[in-house]
Amino acid sequence: MNIDTKITAKPSTKDQFYSLDEANMMIPDLDLAFIRIKQMQLQVQTLFKTVKKRGIDFVPNDDKQLFLLQSTLDDESIDVLSSLKLLLANIQEEINTLSSKGCSVSSIEQGMVNWRFKYSNRVIFLSWLHGEKQVSHWCPNRDDGPSRRRPLSELTLDESAS
């Protein structure tokens, strides 16, 4: 299937450092955002199944391509494709909003967010996974996945310059 539905999690444009308290204060908003994202992802999966059942192997990237497809598709297929396009745009907007708050979304599927953190003389990243009540891990790099997370207990936080 030729489907360009890539949702990108761009690194935060804010190069500031965050404290553990600042990151923890963002968790309620992050939790709600990932609940919305997961709900939209479920709807996207349902729509993809509908698209596949209808024999459509091309999802338009923009309104121009959708307009060109209108002459070859029935109204219901056009509605499904329009809904799919809207949902994907809404997911991207949620990710952009999180990035604008200073978070770096490193895994949309797993709901993983990182923040820049100054520890001694190096930059590391505080790490949170959707469902956790507080930030309890860190990663060496911004885009590290869940398998690279390490417990905060490995750090001596009183040495940090947050």
C-alpha atoms as a PDB file:
ATOM      1  CA  MET A   1       0.000   0.000   0.000  1.00  0.00           C
ATOM      2  CA  ASN A   2       1.433   3.399  -0.968  1.00  0.00           C
ATOM      3  CA  ILE A   3       0.530   5.394   2.100  1.00  0.00           C
ATOM      4  CA  ASP A   4       2.459   8.410   3.283  1.00  0.00           C
ATOM      5  CA  THR A   5       1.178   8.822   6.808  1.00  0.00           C
ATOM      6  CA  LYS A   6       4.393   9.461   8.658  1.00  0.00           C
ATOM      7  CA  ILE A   7       3.886  11.329  11.895  1.00  0.00           C
ATOM      8  CA  THR A   8       7.091  13.016  12.878  1.00  0.00           C
ATOM      9  CA  ALA A   9       8.199  13.771  16.377  1.00  0.00           C
ATOM     10  CA  LYS A  10      10.498  16.707  15.863  1.00  0.00           C
ATOM     11  CA  PRO A  11      13.004  17.523  18.567  1.00  0.00           C
ATOM     12  CA  SER A  12      12.008  20.446  20.717  1.00  0.00           C
ATOM     13  CA  THR A  13      13.224  23.757  19.410  1.00  0.00           C
ATOM     14  CA  LYS A  14      13.794  24.920  22.968  1.00  0.00           C
ATOM     15  CA  ASP A  15      17.378  24.264  23.997  1.00  0.00           C
ATOM     16  CA  GLN A  16      16.745  25.104  27.621  1.00  0.00           C
ATOM     17  CA  PHE A  17      17.312  22.722  30.450  1.00  0.00           C
ATOM     18  CA  TYR A  18      14.476  21.422  32.601  1.00  0.00           C
ATOM     19  CA  SER A  19      14.470  20.479  36.241  1.00  0.00           C
ATOM     20  CA  LEU A  20      12.904  17.295  37.502  1.00  0.00           C
ATOM     21  CA  ASP A  21      10.114  19.375  39.092  1.00  0.00           C
ATOM     22  CA  GLU A  22       9.413  21.204  35.813  1.00  0.00           C
ATOM     23  CA  ALA A  23       9.196  17.935  33.904  1.00  0.00           C
ATOM     24  CA  ASN A  24       6.920  16.392  36.526  1.00  0.00           C
ATOM     25  CA  MET A  25       4.606  19.412  36.365  1.00  0.00           C
ATOM     26  CA  MET A  26       3.987  18.683  32.671  1.00  0.00           C
ATOM     27  CA  ILE A  27       2.844  15.093  33.221  1.00  0.00           C
ATOM     28  CA  PRO A  28      -0.906  15.759  33.593  1.00  0.00           C
ATOM     29  CA  ASP A  29      -0.956  17.564  30.220  1.00  0.00           C
ATOM     30  CA  LEU A  30       1.226  14.890  28.627  1.00  0.00           C
ATOM     31  CA  ASP A  31      -1.022  12.154  29.948  1.00  0.00           C
ATOM     32  CA  LEU A  32      -4.108  13.780  28.383  1.00  0.00           C
ATOM     33  CA  ALA A  33      -2.285  14.394  25.100  1.00  0.00           C
ATOM     34  CA  PHE A  34      -1.247  10.747  24.800  1.00  0.00           C
ATOM     35  CA  ILE A  35      -4.763   9.574  25.640  1.00  0.00           C
ATOM     36  CA  ARG A  36      -6.026  11.713  22.726  1.00  0.00           C
ATOM     37  CA  ILE A  37      -3.246  10.452  20.453  1.00  0.00           C
ATOM     38  CA  LYS A  38      -3.973   6.805  21.277  1.00  0.00           C
ATOM     39  CA  GLN A  39      -7.693   7.314  20.629  1.00  0.00           C
ATOM     40  CA  MET A  40      -6.921   8.900  17.271  1.00  0.00           C
ATOM     41  CA  GLN A  41      -4.488   6.091  16.424  1.00  0.00           C
ATOM     42  CA  LEU A  42      -7.248   3.538  17.013  1.00  0.00           C
ATOM     43  CA  GLN A  43      -9.517   5.459  14.652  1.00  0.00           C
ATOM     44  CA  VAL A  44      -6.717   5.638  12.068  1.00  0.00           C
ATOM     45  CA  GLN A  45      -6.253   1.846  12.254  1.00  0.00           C
ATOM     46  CA  THR A  46      -9.984   1.316  11.709  1.00  0.00           C
ATOM     47  CA  LEU A  47      -9.990   3.674   8.734  1.00  0.00           C
ATOM     48  CA  PHE A  48      -6.928   1.965   7.235  1.00  0.00           C
ATOM     49  CA  LYS A  49      -8.788  -1.349   7.381  1.00  0.00           C
ATOM     50  CA  THR A  50     -11.743   0.271   5.616  1.00  0.00           C
ATOM     51  CA  VAL A  51      -9.445   1.741   2.962  1.00  0.00           C
ATOM     52  CA  LYS A  52      -7.837  -1.654   2.374  1.00  0.00           C
ATOM     53  CA  LYS A  53     -11.222  -3.427   2.149  1.00  0.00           C
ATOM     54  CA  ARG A  54     -12.334  -0.903  -0.445  1.00  0.00           C
ATOM     55  CA  GLY A  55      -9.287  -1.739  -2.547  1.00  0.00           C
ATOM     56  CA  ILE A  56      -7.772   1.717  -2.276  1.00  0.00           C
ATOM     57  CA  ASP A  57      -3.989   1.489  -2.374  1.00  0.00           C
ATOM     58  CA  PHE A  58      -3.234   5.184  -2.343  1.00  0.00           C
ATOM     59  CA  VAL A  59      -3.964   7.718   0.374  1.00  0.00           C
ATOM     60  CA  PRO A  60      -3.628  11.289  -0.884  1.00  0.00           C
ATOM     61  CA  ASN A  61      -1.019  13.507   0.710  1.00  0.00           C
ATOM     62  CA  ASP A  62      -2.867  16.736   0.114  1.00  0.00           C
ATOM     63  CA  ASP A  63      -6.184  18.243  -0.966  1.00  0.00           C
ATOM     64  CA  LYS A  64      -5.103  18.400  -4.614  1.00  0.00           C
ATOM     65  CA  GLN A  65      -4.480  14.646  -4.761  1.00  0.00           C
ATOM     66  CA  LEU A  66      -7.764  14.014  -2.932  1.00  0.00           C
ATOM     67  CA  PHE A  67      -9.587  16.186  -5.466  1.00  0.00           C
ATOM     68  CA  LEU A  68      -8.039  14.226  -8.344  1.00  0.00           C
ATOM     69  CA  LEU A  69      -9.190  10.958  -6.740  1.00  0.00           C
ATOM     70  CA  GLN A  70     -12.778  12.155  -6.390  1.00  0.00           C
ATOM     71  CA  SER A  71     -13.648  11.231  -9.952  1.00  0.00           C
ATOM     72  CA  THR A  72     -12.561   7.612  -9.379  1.00  0.00           C
ATOM     73  CA  LEU A  73     -14.042   6.996  -5.922  1.00  0.00           C
ATOM     74  CA  ASP A  74     -17.516   6.891  -4.440  1.00  0.00           C
ATOM     75  CA  ASP A  75     -18.603   9.391  -1.782  1.00  0.00           C
ATOM     76  CA  GLU A  76     -18.065   6.994   1.115  1.00  0.00           C
ATOM     77  CA  SER A  77     -14.470   6.276   0.056  1.00  0.00           C
ATOM     78  CA  ILE A  78     -13.779   9.992  -0.231  1.00  0.00           C
ATOM     79  CA  ASP A  79     -15.220  10.526   3.257  1.00  0.00           C
ATOM     80  CA  VAL A  80     -13.011   7.769   4.666  1.00  0.00           C
ATOM     81  CA  LEU A  81      -9.892   9.258   3.066  1.00  0.00           C
ATOM     82  CA  SER A  82     -10.813  12.760   4.260  1.00  0.00           C
ATOM     83  CA  SER A  83     -11.336  11.490   7.809  1.00  0.00           C
ATOM     84  CA  LEU A  84      -8.018   9.654   7.710  1.00  0.00           C
ATOM     85  CA  LYS A  85      -6.215  12.767   6.510  1.00  0.00           C
ATOM     86  CA  LEU A  86      -7.827  14.875   9.252  1.00  0.00           C
ATOM     87  CA  LEU A  87      -6.955  12.402  12.012  1.00  0.00           C
ATOM     88  CA  LEU A  88      -3.317  12.223  10.917  1.00  0.00           C
ATOM     89  CA  ALA A  89      -3.129  16.029  10.877  1.00  0.00           C
ATOM     90  CA  ASN A  90      -4.615  16.145  14.397  1.00  0.00           C
ATOM     91  CA  ILE A  91      -2.061  13.634  15.690  1.00  0.00           C
ATOM     92  CA  GLN A  92       0.731  15.717  14.168  1.00  0.00           C
ATOM     93  CA  GLU A  93      -0.697  18.836  15.824  1.00  0.00           C
ATOM     94  CA  GLU A  94      -0.687  17.117  19.242  1.00  0.00           C
ATOM     95  CA  ILE A  95       2.975  16.194  18.743  1.00  0.00           C
ATOM     96  CA  ASN A  96       3.823  19.747  17.641  1.00  0.00           C
ATOM     97  CA  THR A  97       2.104  21.142  20.734  1.00  0.00           C
ATOM     98  CA  LEU A  98       4.147  18.886  23.004  1.00  0.00           C
ATOM     99  CA  SER A  99       7.347  19.905  21.220  1.00  0.00           C
ATOM    100  CA  SER A 100       6.478  23.581  21.627  1.00  0.00           C
ATOM    101  CA  LYS A 101       6.268  23.054  25.402  1.00  0.00           C
ATOM    102  CA  GLY A 102       9.878  21.857  25.492  1.00  0.00           C
ATOM    103  CA  CYS A 103       9.282  18.123  25.372  1.00  0.00           C
ATOM    104  CA  SER A 104      10.974  15.860  22.896  1.00  0.00           C
ATOM    105  CA  VAL A 105       8.655  13.028  21.883  1.00  0.00           C
ATOM    106  CA  SER A 106      10.966  10.098  21.234  1.00  0.00           C
ATOM    107  CA  SER A 107       8.266   7.434  20.771  1.00  0.00           C
ATOM    108  CA  ILE A 108       4.719   8.246  19.737  1.00  0.00           C
ATOM    109  CA  GLU A 109       3.611   4.614  19.907  1.00  0.00           C
ATOM    110  CA  GLN A 110       4.931   4.100  23.434  1.00  0.00           C
ATOM    111  CA  GLY A 111       4.231   7.620  24.638  1.00  0.00           C
ATOM    112  CA  MET A 112       7.827   8.445  25.548  1.00  0.00           C
ATOM    113  CA  VAL A 113       8.940  12.003  26.211  1.00  0.00           C
ATOM    114  CA  ASN A 114      12.389  13.375  27.046  1.00  0.00           C
ATOM    115  CA  TRP A 115      13.601  16.719  28.431  1.00  0.00           C
ATOM    116  CA  ARG A 116      17.087  18.240  28.341  1.00  0.00           C
ATOM    117  CA  PHE A 117      18.698  18.029  31.766  1.00  0.00           C
ATOM    118  CA  LYS A 118      22.086  19.262  32.904  1.00  0.00           C
ATOM    119  CA  TYR A 119      23.878  16.702  35.037  1.00  0.00           C
ATOM    120  CA  SER A 120      27.334  17.668  36.277  1.00  0.00           C
ATOM    121  CA  ASN A 121      29.074  18.819  33.110  1.00  0.00           C
ATOM    122  CA  ARG A 122      27.013  16.878  30.589  1.00  0.00           C
ATOM    123  CA  VAL A 123      23.613  16.945  28.980  1.00  0.00           C
ATOM    124  CA  ILE A 124      21.328  13.988  29.557  1.00  0.00           C
ATOM    125  CA  PHE A 125      17.576  13.606  29.123  1.00  0.00           C
ATOM    126  CA  LEU A 126      14.923  13.054  31.733  1.00  0.00           C
ATOM    127  CA  SER A 127      12.554  10.391  30.427  1.00  0.00           C
ATOM    128  CA  TRP A 128       8.853   9.661  30.962  1.00  0.00           C
ATOM    129  CA  LEU A 129       6.568   6.969  29.530  1.00  0.00           C
ATOM    130  CA  HIS A 130       2.828   7.412  29.237  1.00  0.00           C
ATOM    131  CA  GLY A 131       1.221   5.882  32.303  1.00  0.00           C
ATOM    132  CA  GLU A 132       4.028   6.705  34.717  1.00  0.00           C
ATOM    133  CA  LYS A 133       3.057   9.007  37.596  1.00  0.00           C
ATOM    134  CA  GLN A 134       6.369  10.873  37.603  1.00  0.00           C
ATOM    135  CA  VAL A 135       9.690  11.105  35.838  1.00  0.00           C
ATOM    136  CA  SER A 136      11.806   8.278  37.188  1.00  0.00           C
ATOM    137  CA  HIS A 137      14.279   7.578  34.367  1.00  0.00           C
ATOM    138  CA  TRP A 138      16.848   9.249  32.165  1.00  0.00           C
ATOM    139  CA  CYS A 139      18.488   8.594  28.794  1.00  0.00           C
ATOM    140  CA  PRO A 140      21.907   9.497  27.451  1.00  0.00           C
ATOM    141  CA  ASN A 141      20.487  10.815  24.142  1.00  0.00           C
ATOM    142  CA  ARG A 142      17.350  12.724  23.104  1.00  0.00           C
ATOM    143  CA  ASP A 143      16.056  10.079  20.700  1.00  0.00           C
ATOM    144  CA  ASP A 144      16.810   7.010  22.788  1.00  0.00           C
ATOM    145  CA  GLY A 145      13.972   4.528  22.993  1.00  0.00           C
ATOM    146  CA  PRO A 146      12.546   2.842  26.087  1.00  0.00           C
ATOM    147  CA  SER A 147      15.235   0.154  26.107  1.00  0.00           C
ATOM    148  CA  ARG A 148      17.931   2.808  26.757  1.00  0.00           C
ATOM    149  CA  ARG A 149      16.189   4.311  29.785  1.00  0.00           C
ATOM    150  CA  ARG A 150      17.988   4.112  33.090  1.00  0.00           C
ATOM    151  CA  PRO A 151      16.624   4.786  36.594  1.00  0.00           C
ATOM    152  CA  LEU A 152      17.206   8.209  38.120  1.00  0.00           C
ATOM    153  CA  SER A 153      18.521   6.422  41.193  1.00  0.00           C
ATOM    154  CA  GLU A 154      21.732   5.886  39.207  1.00  0.00           C
ATOM    155  CA  LEU A 155      22.294   9.645  39.314  1.00  0.00           C
ATOM    156  CA  THR A 156      23.169  11.701  42.341  1.00  0.00           C
ATOM    157  CA  LEU A 157      20.702  14.542  41.778  1.00  0.00           C
ATOM    158  CA  ASP A 158      22.390  16.867  44.256  1.00  0.00           C
ATOM    159  CA  GLU A 159      25.337  17.049  41.821  1.00  0.00           C
ATOM    160  CA  SER A 160      23.081  18.253  39.016  1.00  0.00           C
ATOM    161  CA  ALA A 161      22.829  21.812  37.843  1.00  0.00           C
ATOM    162  CA  SER A 162      19.223  21.886  36.786  1.00  0.00           C
END
